[in-house]
Amino acid sequence: MFSGIVEALGTVVELRSEPPGCRLIVREPKIAAETRVADSIAVNGCCLTVIDRQADTFAFEAGPETLARTNLGLLKPGSRVNLERALAVGDRLGGHFVSGHIDGVGTLQTRDDDGPWSTFWFSISKELAAQMASKGSIAVDGVSLTLVGCEPERFSIALIPYTLSVTTLGPLQPGDCVNLETDLLAKYVQRLVEAKEWR
């Protein structure tokens, strides 16, 4: 379980094909020094298990389902990624509960920059839109954010200068893809509504 508060930006060292999946190697010295094999780390919001650790890097395996549902397969050497280690019992929860299980991807449609502040609109599927409500929570590439506008096939978020400067969201341009995880409660509410039709 994560909070959506990014700890650090890592740099992709290698994305190595290992059919049917791949091996992702990331460099971030501080987190590497405090990480062990089998730890869970959210990479752009996607919960992955550390399978190898060196002095300043750590590696993960991503399978076909992960590559199909996230933007991790689009990464290349030099790409920056948002990193967050799993919560420890007793940690402060500064964002919201994030499972690290990506629901789908969104595409940046427009960004409206007002000085150092920005409003982003992302296009999404109607299935994802059904799990969003204005003032609810959303994790975008692992960053805990508040939904502003929610429409049938798009949503918006307002970004403060700090978030733009310390996460991968700042450099995003229209056409770029992001990982999305909707609020846990929204998924269960939607399922309960669907279940009423089973009879």
N, C-alpha and C. Protein backbone atom coordinates (compact mmCIF):
# COMPACT_ATOMS: atom_id res chain seq x y z
N MET A 1 0.85 -1.18 0.00
CA MET A 1 0.00 0.00 0.00
C MET A 1 0.89 1.24 0.00
N PHE A 2 0.44 2.26 -0.74
CA PHE A 2 1.21 3.49 -0.89
C PHE A 2 0.31 4.69 -0.57
N SER A 3 0.92 5.89 -0.59
CA SER A 3 0.15 7.09 -0.27
C SER A 3 0.02 8.04 -1.45
N GLY A 4 0.80 7.82 -2.51
CA GLY A 4 0.78 8.74 -3.64
C GLY A 4 1.66 9.96 -3.43
N ILE A 5 2.51 9.93 -2.41
CA ILE A 5 3.47 11.00 -2.18
C ILE A 5 4.83 10.52 -2.70
N VAL A 6 5.26 11.08 -3.81
CA VAL A 6 6.49 10.63 -4.47
C VAL A 6 7.69 10.95 -3.59
N GLU A 7 8.55 9.94 -3.39
CA GLU A 7 9.76 10.13 -2.58
C GLU A 7 10.93 10.66 -3.39
N ALA A 8 11.04 10.20 -4.62
CA ALA A 8 12.21 10.56 -5.42
C ALA A 8 11.93 10.31 -6.89
N LEU A 9 12.71 10.96 -7.73
CA LEU A 9 12.70 10.67 -9.16
C LEU A 9 13.86 9.74 -9.46
N GLY A 10 13.56 8.62 -10.08
CA GLY A 10 14.60 7.68 -10.49
C GLY A 10 14.85 7.83 -11.98
N THR A 11 15.95 7.25 -12.45
CA THR A 11 16.30 7.28 -13.86
C THR A 11 16.39 5.85 -14.38
N VAL A 12 15.71 5.58 -15.48
CA VAL A 12 15.76 4.24 -16.08
C VAL A 12 17.15 4.01 -16.66
N VAL A 13 17.77 2.92 -16.24
CA VAL A 13 19.08 2.53 -16.76
C VAL A 13 18.91 1.62 -17.96
N GLU A 14 17.96 0.68 -17.83
CA GLU A 14 17.77 -0.30 -18.90
C GLU A 14 16.36 -0.87 -18.84
N LEU A 15 15.79 -1.14 -20.00
CA LEU A 15 14.54 -1.88 -20.12
C LEU A 15 14.88 -3.07 -21.00
N ARG A 16 15.14 -4.20 -20.38
CA ARG A 16 15.65 -5.38 -21.08
C ARG A 16 14.53 -6.36 -21.39
N SER A 17 14.41 -6.73 -22.65
CA SER A 17 13.38 -7.69 -23.05
C SER A 17 13.69 -9.06 -22.46
N GLU A 18 12.70 -9.62 -21.76
CA GLU A 18 12.78 -10.98 -21.22
C GLU A 18 11.42 -11.62 -21.45
N PRO A 19 11.14 -12.02 -22.72
CA PRO A 19 9.80 -12.50 -23.10
C PRO A 19 9.25 -13.54 -22.12
N PRO A 20 7.96 -13.41 -21.79
CA PRO A 20 6.99 -12.48 -22.39
C PRO A 20 6.97 -11.11 -21.72
N GLY A 21 7.87 -10.86 -20.79
CA GLY A 21 7.90 -9.58 -20.10
C GLY A 21 9.21 -8.85 -20.33
N CYS A 22 9.63 -8.09 -19.31
CA CYS A 22 10.89 -7.37 -19.41
C CYS A 22 11.45 -7.13 -18.02
N ARG A 23 12.73 -6.75 -17.98
CA ARG A 23 13.39 -6.37 -16.74
C ARG A 23 13.62 -4.86 -16.79
N LEU A 24 13.21 -4.17 -15.74
CA LEU A 24 13.37 -2.73 -15.64
C LEU A 24 14.40 -2.42 -14.56
N ILE A 25 15.45 -1.71 -14.94
CA ILE A 25 16.50 -1.35 -13.99
C ILE A 25 16.49 0.17 -13.81
N VAL A 26 16.40 0.60 -12.55
CA VAL A 26 16.25 2.02 -12.21
C VAL A 26 17.39 2.44 -11.29
N ARG A 27 17.90 3.66 -11.50
CA ARG A 27 18.94 4.22 -10.63
C ARG A 27 18.36 5.30 -9.73
N GLU A 28 18.57 5.15 -8.44
CA GLU A 28 18.25 6.20 -7.46
C GLU A 28 19.01 5.82 -6.20
N PRO A 29 20.19 6.41 -5.98
CA PRO A 29 21.10 5.97 -4.91
C PRO A 29 20.50 5.90 -3.52
N LYS A 30 19.73 6.92 -3.10
CA LYS A 30 19.22 6.94 -1.73
C LYS A 30 18.26 5.77 -1.49
N ILE A 31 17.32 5.57 -2.40
CA ILE A 31 16.37 4.47 -2.22
C ILE A 31 17.07 3.13 -2.37
N ALA A 32 18.02 3.03 -3.30
CA ALA A 32 18.75 1.77 -3.47
C ALA A 32 19.46 1.37 -2.18
N ALA A 33 20.03 2.34 -1.49
CA ALA A 33 20.78 2.05 -0.26
C ALA A 33 19.89 1.51 0.85
N GLU A 34 18.58 1.82 0.78
CA GLU A 34 17.66 1.42 1.85
C GLU A 34 16.67 0.35 1.40
N THR A 35 16.96 -0.26 0.24
CA THR A 35 16.03 -1.23 -0.34
C THR A 35 16.62 -2.64 -0.30
N ARG A 36 15.74 -3.61 -0.11
CA ARG A 36 16.14 -5.02 -0.12
C ARG A 36 15.37 -5.76 -1.20
N VAL A 37 15.92 -6.87 -1.64
CA VAL A 37 15.21 -7.73 -2.58
C VAL A 37 13.88 -8.15 -1.93
N ALA A 38 12.82 -8.15 -2.72
CA ALA A 38 11.44 -8.49 -2.32
C ALA A 38 10.66 -7.30 -1.79
N ASP A 39 11.30 -6.12 -1.64
CA ASP A 39 10.56 -4.91 -1.26
C ASP A 39 9.63 -4.50 -2.39
N SER A 40 8.55 -3.80 -2.03
CA SER A 40 7.62 -3.25 -3.02
C SER A 40 7.90 -1.77 -3.22
N ILE A 41 8.00 -1.37 -4.47
CA ILE A 41 8.20 0.04 -4.82
C ILE A 41 7.22 0.39 -5.94
N ALA A 42 6.56 1.54 -5.79
CA ALA A 42 5.68 2.02 -6.86
C ALA A 42 6.54 2.80 -7.86
N VAL A 43 6.51 2.35 -9.10
CA VAL A 43 7.23 2.99 -10.19
C VAL A 43 6.19 3.61 -11.11
N ASN A 44 6.13 4.95 -11.16
CA ASN A 44 5.04 5.63 -11.87
C ASN A 44 3.69 5.10 -11.42
N GLY A 45 3.61 4.80 -10.12
CA GLY A 45 2.34 4.36 -9.55
C GLY A 45 2.08 2.88 -9.62
N CYS A 46 2.93 2.13 -10.32
CA CYS A 46 2.73 0.68 -10.49
C CYS A 46 3.56 -0.07 -9.46
N CYS A 47 2.91 -0.87 -8.63
CA CYS A 47 3.60 -1.63 -7.59
C CYS A 47 4.42 -2.75 -8.22
N LEU A 48 5.73 -2.71 -8.01
CA LEU A 48 6.63 -3.73 -8.53
C LEU A 48 7.49 -4.27 -7.39
N THR A 49 7.96 -5.50 -7.55
CA THR A 49 8.78 -6.16 -6.55
C THR A 49 10.25 -6.09 -6.95
N VAL A 50 11.08 -5.65 -6.02
CA VAL A 50 12.52 -5.58 -6.28
C VAL A 50 13.07 -7.00 -6.37
N ILE A 51 13.75 -7.31 -7.49
CA ILE A 51 14.32 -8.65 -7.67
C ILE A 51 15.84 -8.65 -7.60
N ASP A 52 16.45 -7.45 -7.65
CA ASP A 52 17.90 -7.34 -7.56
C ASP A 52 18.24 -5.92 -7.12
N ARG A 53 19.29 -5.80 -6.32
CA ARG A 53 19.73 -4.47 -5.89
C ARG A 53 21.24 -4.40 -5.96
N GLN A 54 21.73 -3.30 -6.51
CA GLN A 54 23.16 -3.02 -6.54
C GLN A 54 23.41 -1.73 -5.75
N ALA A 55 24.59 -1.17 -5.84
CA ALA A 55 24.94 -0.01 -5.03
C ALA A 55 23.98 1.16 -5.21
N ASP A 56 23.63 1.47 -6.45
CA ASP A 56 22.76 2.62 -6.68
C ASP A 56 21.59 2.32 -7.62
N THR A 57 21.36 1.02 -7.91
CA THR A 57 20.26 0.63 -8.78
C THR A 57 19.46 -0.51 -8.17
N PHE A 58 18.25 -0.69 -8.69
CA PHE A 58 17.42 -1.83 -8.32
C PHE A 58 16.65 -2.24 -9.55
N ALA A 59 16.27 -3.52 -9.59
CA ALA A 59 15.64 -4.07 -10.79
C ALA A 59 14.29 -4.71 -10.46
N PHE A 60 13.42 -4.71 -11.46
CA PHE A 60 12.09 -5.29 -11.35
C PHE A 60 11.81 -6.14 -12.60
N GLU A 61 10.86 -7.05 -12.48
CA GLU A 61 10.34 -7.77 -13.64
C GLU A 61 8.90 -7.30 -13.87
N ALA A 62 8.58 -6.98 -15.12
CA ALA A 62 7.23 -6.57 -15.48
C ALA A 62 6.69 -7.56 -16.51
N GLY A 63 5.54 -8.16 -16.20
CA GLY A 63 4.95 -9.16 -17.08
C GLY A 63 4.03 -8.54 -18.12
N PRO A 64 3.45 -9.39 -18.98
CA PRO A 64 2.59 -8.91 -20.08
C PRO A 64 1.41 -8.07 -19.62
N GLU A 65 0.76 -8.47 -18.51
CA GLU A 65 -0.40 -7.71 -18.00
C GLU A 65 0.02 -6.31 -17.58
N THR A 66 1.15 -6.22 -16.89
CA THR A 66 1.66 -4.91 -16.45
C THR A 66 2.01 -4.04 -17.64
N LEU A 67 2.67 -4.61 -18.63
CA LEU A 67 3.08 -3.84 -19.80
C LEU A 67 1.88 -3.39 -20.63
N ALA A 68 0.82 -4.21 -20.65
CA ALA A 68 -0.37 -3.88 -21.44
C ALA A 68 -1.21 -2.80 -20.77
N ARG A 69 -1.17 -2.73 -19.44
CA ARG A 69 -2.06 -1.85 -18.69
C ARG A 69 -1.42 -0.55 -18.25
N THR A 70 -0.09 -0.43 -18.42
CA THR A 70 0.63 0.74 -17.91
C THR A 70 1.48 1.38 -19.01
N ASN A 71 2.17 2.46 -18.63
CA ASN A 71 3.08 3.12 -19.57
C ASN A 71 4.52 2.66 -19.40
N LEU A 72 4.76 1.61 -18.59
CA LEU A 72 6.13 1.19 -18.31
C LEU A 72 6.84 0.68 -19.56
N GLY A 73 6.12 0.06 -20.47
CA GLY A 73 6.74 -0.44 -21.70
C GLY A 73 7.21 0.67 -22.62
N LEU A 74 6.78 1.90 -22.38
CA LEU A 74 7.20 3.04 -23.21
C LEU A 74 8.48 3.69 -22.70
N LEU A 75 8.94 3.25 -21.52
CA LEU A 75 10.14 3.83 -20.95
C LEU A 75 11.38 3.45 -21.76
N LYS A 76 12.42 4.25 -21.65
CA LYS A 76 13.69 3.97 -22.31
C LYS A 76 14.81 4.49 -21.43
N PRO A 77 16.06 4.09 -21.68
CA PRO A 77 17.15 4.59 -20.86
C PRO A 77 17.15 6.12 -20.80
N GLY A 78 17.25 6.65 -19.58
CA GLY A 78 17.21 8.10 -19.38
C GLY A 78 15.85 8.62 -18.97
N SER A 79 14.79 7.82 -19.16
CA SER A 79 13.45 8.24 -18.72
C SER A 79 13.44 8.43 -17.21
N ARG A 80 12.73 9.45 -16.74
CA ARG A 80 12.56 9.66 -15.30
C ARG A 80 11.27 8.97 -14.85
N VAL A 81 11.30 8.43 -13.64
CA VAL A 81 10.13 7.75 -13.08
C VAL A 81 9.91 8.20 -11.64
N ASN A 82 8.63 8.28 -11.25
CA ASN A 82 8.27 8.58 -9.87
C ASN A 82 8.45 7.32 -9.03
N LEU A 83 9.05 7.47 -7.86
CA LEU A 83 9.29 6.33 -6.98
C LEU A 83 8.69 6.59 -5.60
N GLU A 84 8.06 5.54 -5.06
CA GLU A 84 7.57 5.58 -3.68
C GLU A 84 7.68 4.19 -3.09
N ARG A 85 8.32 4.08 -1.94
CA ARG A 85 8.37 2.80 -1.24
C ARG A 85 7.06 2.56 -0.50
N ALA A 86 6.76 1.29 -0.25
CA ALA A 86 5.52 0.93 0.43
C ALA A 86 5.46 1.58 1.81
N LEU A 87 4.25 1.91 2.24
CA LEU A 87 4.03 2.50 3.56
C LEU A 87 4.42 1.52 4.66
N ALA A 88 4.93 2.05 5.75
CA ALA A 88 5.16 1.27 6.95
C ALA A 88 4.04 1.60 7.94
N VAL A 89 3.67 0.62 8.76
CA VAL A 89 2.63 0.86 9.76
C VAL A 89 3.07 2.01 10.66
N GLY A 90 2.18 2.98 10.83
CA GLY A 90 2.48 4.14 11.66
C GLY A 90 2.94 5.35 10.87
N ASP A 91 3.20 5.18 9.54
CA ASP A 91 3.58 6.32 8.71
C ASP A 91 2.43 7.32 8.61
N ARG A 92 2.78 8.58 8.42
CA ARG A 92 1.75 9.57 8.11
C ARG A 92 1.21 9.27 6.72
N LEU A 93 -0.07 9.52 6.51
CA LEU A 93 -0.69 9.32 5.21
C LEU A 93 -1.00 10.69 4.63
N GLY A 94 -0.07 11.21 3.84
CA GLY A 94 -0.22 12.56 3.32
C GLY A 94 -1.07 12.65 2.07
N GLY A 95 -1.24 11.56 1.36
CA GLY A 95 -2.03 11.58 0.13
C GLY A 95 -3.36 10.87 0.35
N HIS A 96 -3.50 9.69 -0.32
CA HIS A 96 -4.65 8.83 -0.08
C HIS A 96 -4.19 7.38 -0.27
N PHE A 97 -5.02 6.42 0.10
CA PHE A 97 -4.61 5.03 -0.04
C PHE A 97 -4.50 4.67 -1.52
N VAL A 98 -3.30 4.25 -1.92
CA VAL A 98 -3.01 3.87 -3.31
C VAL A 98 -2.49 2.44 -3.28
N SER A 99 -3.09 1.55 -4.07
CA SER A 99 -2.70 0.14 -4.03
C SER A 99 -1.50 -0.18 -4.93
N GLY A 100 -1.27 0.67 -5.93
CA GLY A 100 -0.22 0.38 -6.90
C GLY A 100 -0.69 -0.53 -8.02
N HIS A 101 -2.00 -0.77 -8.08
CA HIS A 101 -2.59 -1.59 -9.15
C HIS A 101 -3.22 -0.64 -10.16
N ILE A 102 -2.58 -0.50 -11.29
CA ILE A 102 -3.00 0.48 -12.30
C ILE A 102 -4.29 0.02 -12.99
N ASP A 103 -5.24 0.95 -13.10
CA ASP A 103 -6.51 0.64 -13.75
C ASP A 103 -6.47 0.86 -15.26
N GLY A 104 -5.61 1.73 -15.71
CA GLY A 104 -5.51 2.02 -17.14
C GLY A 104 -4.63 3.24 -17.36
N VAL A 105 -4.53 3.64 -18.61
CA VAL A 105 -3.72 4.82 -18.94
C VAL A 105 -4.62 5.94 -19.43
N GLY A 106 -4.14 7.15 -19.22
CA GLY A 106 -4.79 8.34 -19.76
C GLY A 106 -3.80 9.07 -20.64
N THR A 107 -4.32 9.92 -21.51
CA THR A 107 -3.45 10.69 -22.42
C THR A 107 -3.67 12.17 -22.15
N LEU A 108 -2.57 12.90 -21.96
CA LEU A 108 -2.68 14.33 -21.73
C LEU A 108 -3.25 15.00 -22.98
N GLN A 109 -4.39 15.64 -22.79
CA GLN A 109 -5.10 16.30 -23.89
C GLN A 109 -4.64 17.74 -24.02
N THR A 110 -4.70 18.47 -22.91
CA THR A 110 -4.28 19.88 -22.91
C THR A 110 -3.64 20.20 -21.57
N ARG A 111 -2.72 21.17 -21.58
CA ARG A 111 -2.20 21.72 -20.34
C ARG A 111 -2.28 23.23 -20.43
N ASP A 112 -2.87 23.83 -19.41
CA ASP A 112 -3.03 25.27 -19.34
C ASP A 112 -2.12 25.79 -18.24
N ASP A 113 -1.01 26.41 -18.64
CA ASP A 113 -0.05 26.91 -17.67
C ASP A 113 -0.36 28.36 -17.33
N ASP A 114 -0.48 28.62 -16.04
CA ASP A 114 -0.73 29.96 -15.53
C ASP A 114 0.43 30.33 -14.63
N GLY A 115 1.50 30.86 -15.23
CA GLY A 115 2.74 31.06 -14.49
C GLY A 115 3.30 29.70 -14.13
N PRO A 116 3.66 29.50 -12.85
CA PRO A 116 4.20 28.20 -12.44
C PRO A 116 3.13 27.16 -12.08
N TRP A 117 1.87 27.51 -12.22
CA TRP A 117 0.76 26.60 -11.92
C TRP A 117 0.22 26.02 -13.22
N SER A 118 -0.43 24.86 -13.15
CA SER A 118 -0.96 24.24 -14.37
C SER A 118 -2.27 23.50 -14.10
N THR A 119 -3.10 23.46 -15.13
CA THR A 119 -4.29 22.61 -15.15
C THR A 119 -4.15 21.66 -16.32
N PHE A 120 -4.24 20.37 -16.03
CA PHE A 120 -4.12 19.33 -17.07
C PHE A 120 -5.48 18.69 -17.30
N TRP A 121 -5.80 18.41 -18.57
CA TRP A 121 -6.96 17.60 -18.93
C TRP A 121 -6.46 16.32 -19.59
N PHE A 122 -6.94 15.17 -19.10
CA PHE A 122 -6.56 13.87 -19.65
C PHE A 122 -7.76 13.19 -20.29
N SER A 123 -7.55 12.59 -21.45
CA SER A 123 -8.60 11.77 -22.06
C SER A 123 -8.50 10.36 -21.50
N ILE A 124 -9.68 9.75 -21.26
CA ILE A 124 -9.74 8.42 -20.65
C ILE A 124 -10.92 7.65 -21.24
N SER A 125 -11.02 6.38 -20.88
CA SER A 125 -12.16 5.58 -21.29
C SER A 125 -13.36 5.90 -20.41
N LYS A 126 -14.56 5.61 -20.92
CA LYS A 126 -15.77 5.82 -20.12
C LYS A 126 -15.78 4.92 -18.89
N GLU A 127 -15.16 3.73 -19.01
CA GLU A 127 -15.11 2.80 -17.88
C GLU A 127 -14.34 3.42 -16.70
N LEU A 128 -13.24 4.09 -17.01
CA LEU A 128 -12.49 4.75 -15.94
C LEU A 128 -13.23 5.98 -15.43
N ALA A 129 -13.85 6.71 -16.34
CA ALA A 129 -14.57 7.92 -15.94
C ALA A 129 -15.68 7.61 -14.94
N ALA A 130 -16.27 6.42 -15.04
CA ALA A 130 -17.35 6.03 -14.13
C ALA A 130 -16.87 5.92 -12.69
N GLN A 131 -15.56 5.83 -12.48
CA GLN A 131 -15.01 5.70 -11.14
C GLN A 131 -14.42 7.01 -10.62
N MET A 132 -14.77 8.12 -11.26
CA MET A 132 -14.23 9.42 -10.87
C MET A 132 -15.33 10.40 -10.51
N ALA A 133 -15.05 11.22 -9.51
CA ALA A 133 -15.98 12.27 -9.09
C ALA A 133 -15.19 13.48 -8.67
N SER A 134 -15.69 14.66 -9.01
CA SER A 134 -15.03 15.90 -8.65
C SER A 134 -14.78 15.96 -7.14
N LYS A 135 -13.58 16.35 -6.77
CA LYS A 135 -13.09 16.42 -5.39
C LYS A 135 -12.71 15.05 -4.83
N GLY A 136 -12.82 14.00 -5.67
CA GLY A 136 -12.34 12.69 -5.27
C GLY A 136 -10.84 12.59 -5.51
N SER A 137 -10.28 11.41 -5.26
CA SER A 137 -8.85 11.21 -5.41
C SER A 137 -8.51 10.41 -6.65
N ILE A 138 -7.33 10.68 -7.20
CA ILE A 138 -6.81 9.96 -8.35
C ILE A 138 -5.29 9.91 -8.20
N ALA A 139 -4.69 8.79 -8.60
CA ALA A 139 -3.23 8.70 -8.64
C ALA A 139 -2.82 8.76 -10.11
N VAL A 140 -2.04 9.78 -10.47
CA VAL A 140 -1.57 9.97 -11.85
C VAL A 140 -0.07 9.72 -11.85
N ASP A 141 0.36 8.65 -12.51
CA ASP A 141 1.76 8.21 -12.46
C ASP A 141 2.24 8.11 -11.02
N GLY A 142 1.32 7.68 -10.15
CA GLY A 142 1.66 7.46 -8.75
C GLY A 142 1.56 8.68 -7.87
N VAL A 143 1.14 9.82 -8.42
CA VAL A 143 1.03 11.06 -7.64
C VAL A 143 -0.41 11.23 -7.16
N SER A 144 -0.60 11.35 -5.85
CA SER A 144 -1.93 11.54 -5.29
C SER A 144 -2.42 12.95 -5.60
N LEU A 145 -3.57 13.04 -6.29
CA LEU A 145 -4.11 14.33 -6.70
C LEU A 145 -5.62 14.36 -6.49
N THR A 146 -6.16 15.57 -6.50
CA THR A 146 -7.60 15.77 -6.36
C THR A 146 -8.20 16.03 -7.73
N LEU A 147 -9.27 15.32 -8.03
CA LEU A 147 -9.98 15.52 -9.30
C LEU A 147 -10.70 16.87 -9.27
N VAL A 148 -10.62 17.59 -10.38
CA VAL A 148 -11.31 18.87 -10.50
C VAL A 148 -12.53 18.69 -11.39
N GLY A 149 -12.32 18.60 -12.69
CA GLY A 149 -13.42 18.38 -13.62
C GLY A 149 -13.51 16.92 -14.00
N CYS A 150 -14.73 16.37 -14.04
CA CYS A 150 -14.94 14.97 -14.41
C CYS A 150 -16.03 14.89 -15.47
N GLU A 151 -15.66 14.46 -16.66
CA GLU A 151 -16.59 14.32 -17.78
C GLU A 151 -16.57 12.88 -18.27
N PRO A 152 -17.51 12.49 -19.15
CA PRO A 152 -17.61 11.09 -19.56
C PRO A 152 -16.33 10.49 -20.17
N GLU A 153 -15.48 11.29 -20.79
CA GLU A 153 -14.27 10.72 -21.40
C GLU A 153 -13.02 11.55 -21.10
N ARG A 154 -13.06 12.37 -20.03
CA ARG A 154 -11.87 13.12 -19.65
C ARG A 154 -12.03 13.66 -18.24
N PHE A 155 -10.88 14.04 -17.65
CA PHE A 155 -10.89 14.65 -16.32
C PHE A 155 -9.76 15.67 -16.25
N SER A 156 -9.84 16.55 -15.24
CA SER A 156 -8.79 17.55 -15.06
C SER A 156 -8.25 17.52 -13.64
N ILE A 157 -7.00 17.97 -13.52
CA ILE A 157 -6.35 18.14 -12.23
C ILE A 157 -5.65 19.49 -12.22
N ALA A 158 -5.53 20.09 -11.04
CA ALA A 158 -4.80 21.35 -10.88
C ALA A 158 -3.50 21.04 -10.15
N LEU A 159 -2.39 21.50 -10.71
CA LEU A 159 -1.07 21.16 -10.18
C LEU A 159 -0.36 22.39 -9.63
N ILE A 160 0.14 22.26 -8.40
CA ILE A 160 0.90 23.35 -7.80
C ILE A 160 2.34 23.30 -8.30
N PRO A 161 3.06 24.42 -8.19
CA PRO A 161 4.44 24.45 -8.67
C PRO A 161 5.33 23.36 -8.07
N TYR A 162 5.16 23.06 -6.78
CA TYR A 162 5.99 22.05 -6.13
C TYR A 162 5.83 20.69 -6.81
N THR A 163 4.59 20.27 -7.03
CA THR A 163 4.34 18.96 -7.66
C THR A 163 4.93 18.92 -9.06
N LEU A 164 4.79 20.01 -9.80
CA LEU A 164 5.34 20.06 -11.15
C LEU A 164 6.86 19.94 -11.15
N SER A 165 7.50 20.42 -10.09
CA SER A 165 8.96 20.44 -10.06
C SER A 165 9.59 19.15 -9.52
N VAL A 166 8.85 18.37 -8.70
CA VAL A 166 9.47 17.20 -8.06
C VAL A 166 8.94 15.86 -8.56
N THR A 167 8.07 15.88 -9.58
CA THR A 167 7.55 14.64 -10.15
C THR A 167 7.72 14.67 -11.67
N THR A 168 7.35 13.57 -12.29
CA THR A 168 7.44 13.47 -13.76
C THR A 168 6.32 14.24 -14.45
N LEU A 169 5.39 14.80 -13.69
CA LEU A 169 4.25 15.48 -14.32
C LEU A 169 4.64 16.81 -14.94
N GLY A 170 5.63 17.50 -14.39
CA GLY A 170 6.03 18.81 -14.90
C GLY A 170 6.37 18.84 -16.37
N PRO A 171 7.17 17.90 -16.88
CA PRO A 171 7.55 17.93 -18.30
C PRO A 171 6.50 17.39 -19.27
N LEU A 172 5.37 16.85 -18.76
CA LEU A 172 4.38 16.24 -19.66
C LEU A 172 3.90 17.22 -20.72
N GLN A 173 3.69 16.67 -21.92
CA GLN A 173 3.16 17.44 -23.05
C GLN A 173 1.98 16.71 -23.65
N PRO A 174 1.05 17.43 -24.32
CA PRO A 174 -0.10 16.76 -24.94
C PRO A 174 0.35 15.56 -25.77
N GLY A 175 -0.37 14.45 -25.58
CA GLY A 175 -0.05 13.20 -26.26
C GLY A 175 0.68 12.21 -25.38
N ASP A 176 1.25 12.68 -24.27
CA ASP A 176 1.96 11.78 -23.35
C ASP A 176 0.96 10.95 -22.55
N CYS A 177 1.36 9.70 -22.25
CA CYS A 177 0.50 8.77 -21.52
C CYS A 177 0.91 8.68 -20.06
N VAL A 178 -0.08 8.53 -19.18
CA VAL A 178 0.17 8.39 -17.74
C VAL A 178 -0.60 7.19 -17.20
N ASN A 179 -0.06 6.61 -16.13
CA ASN A 179 -0.75 5.54 -15.42
C ASN A 179 -1.79 6.13 -14.49
N LEU A 180 -2.95 5.48 -14.43
CA LEU A 180 -4.04 5.97 -13.58
C LEU A 180 -4.52 4.88 -12.64
N GLU A 181 -4.69 5.26 -11.38
CA GLU A 181 -5.36 4.40 -10.42
C GLU A 181 -6.48 5.19 -9.77
N THR A 182 -7.71 4.74 -9.97
CA THR A 182 -8.85 5.42 -9.39
C THR A 182 -8.95 5.06 -7.90
N ASP A 183 -9.81 5.77 -7.19
CA ASP A 183 -9.97 5.57 -5.77
C ASP A 183 -10.51 4.17 -5.47
N LEU A 184 -9.95 3.52 -4.46
CA LEU A 184 -10.38 2.16 -4.11
C LEU A 184 -11.86 2.08 -3.82
N LEU A 185 -12.40 3.05 -3.08
CA LEU A 185 -13.81 3.03 -2.72
C LEU A 185 -14.70 3.10 -3.96
N ALA A 186 -14.29 3.89 -4.96
CA ALA A 186 -15.09 4.04 -6.18
C ALA A 186 -15.27 2.70 -6.89
N LYS A 187 -14.22 1.88 -6.89
CA LYS A 187 -14.30 0.58 -7.56
C LYS A 187 -15.32 -0.33 -6.89
N TYR A 188 -15.33 -0.32 -5.55
CA TYR A 188 -16.26 -1.18 -4.83
C TYR A 188 -17.70 -0.70 -4.97
N VAL A 189 -17.89 0.60 -4.97
CA VAL A 189 -19.25 1.14 -5.17
C VAL A 189 -19.76 0.75 -6.55
N GLN A 190 -18.91 0.90 -7.56
CA GLN A 190 -19.31 0.53 -8.92
C GLN A 190 -19.67 -0.95 -9.00
N ARG A 191 -18.89 -1.80 -8.34
CA ARG A 191 -19.14 -3.25 -8.37
C ARG A 191 -20.45 -3.58 -7.69
N LEU A 192 -20.76 -2.92 -6.57
CA LEU A 192 -22.02 -3.17 -5.88
C LEU A 192 -23.21 -2.80 -6.75
N VAL A 193 -23.09 -1.68 -7.48
CA VAL A 193 -24.17 -1.26 -8.38
C VAL A 193 -24.35 -2.28 -9.50
N GLU A 194 -23.23 -2.75 -10.08
CA GLU A 194 -23.30 -3.75 -11.15
C GLU A 194 -23.92 -5.05 -10.65
N ALA A 195 -23.59 -5.43 -9.41
CA ALA A 195 -24.06 -6.70 -8.86
C ALA A 195 -25.58 -6.75 -8.72
N LYS A 196 -26.21 -5.58 -8.58
CA LYS A 196 -27.67 -5.56 -8.48
C LYS A 196 -28.34 -6.05 -9.74
N GLU A 197 -27.62 -5.99 -10.87
CA GLU A 197 -28.19 -6.41 -12.14
C GLU A 197 -28.01 -7.89 -12.40
N TRP A 198 -27.26 -8.59 -11.56
CA TRP A 198 -26.98 -10.01 -11.80
C TRP A 198 -28.22 -10.88 -11.70
N ARG A 199 -29.21 -10.42 -10.96
CA ARG A 199 -30.41 -11.23 -10.79
C ARG A 199 -31.29 -11.10 -12.01
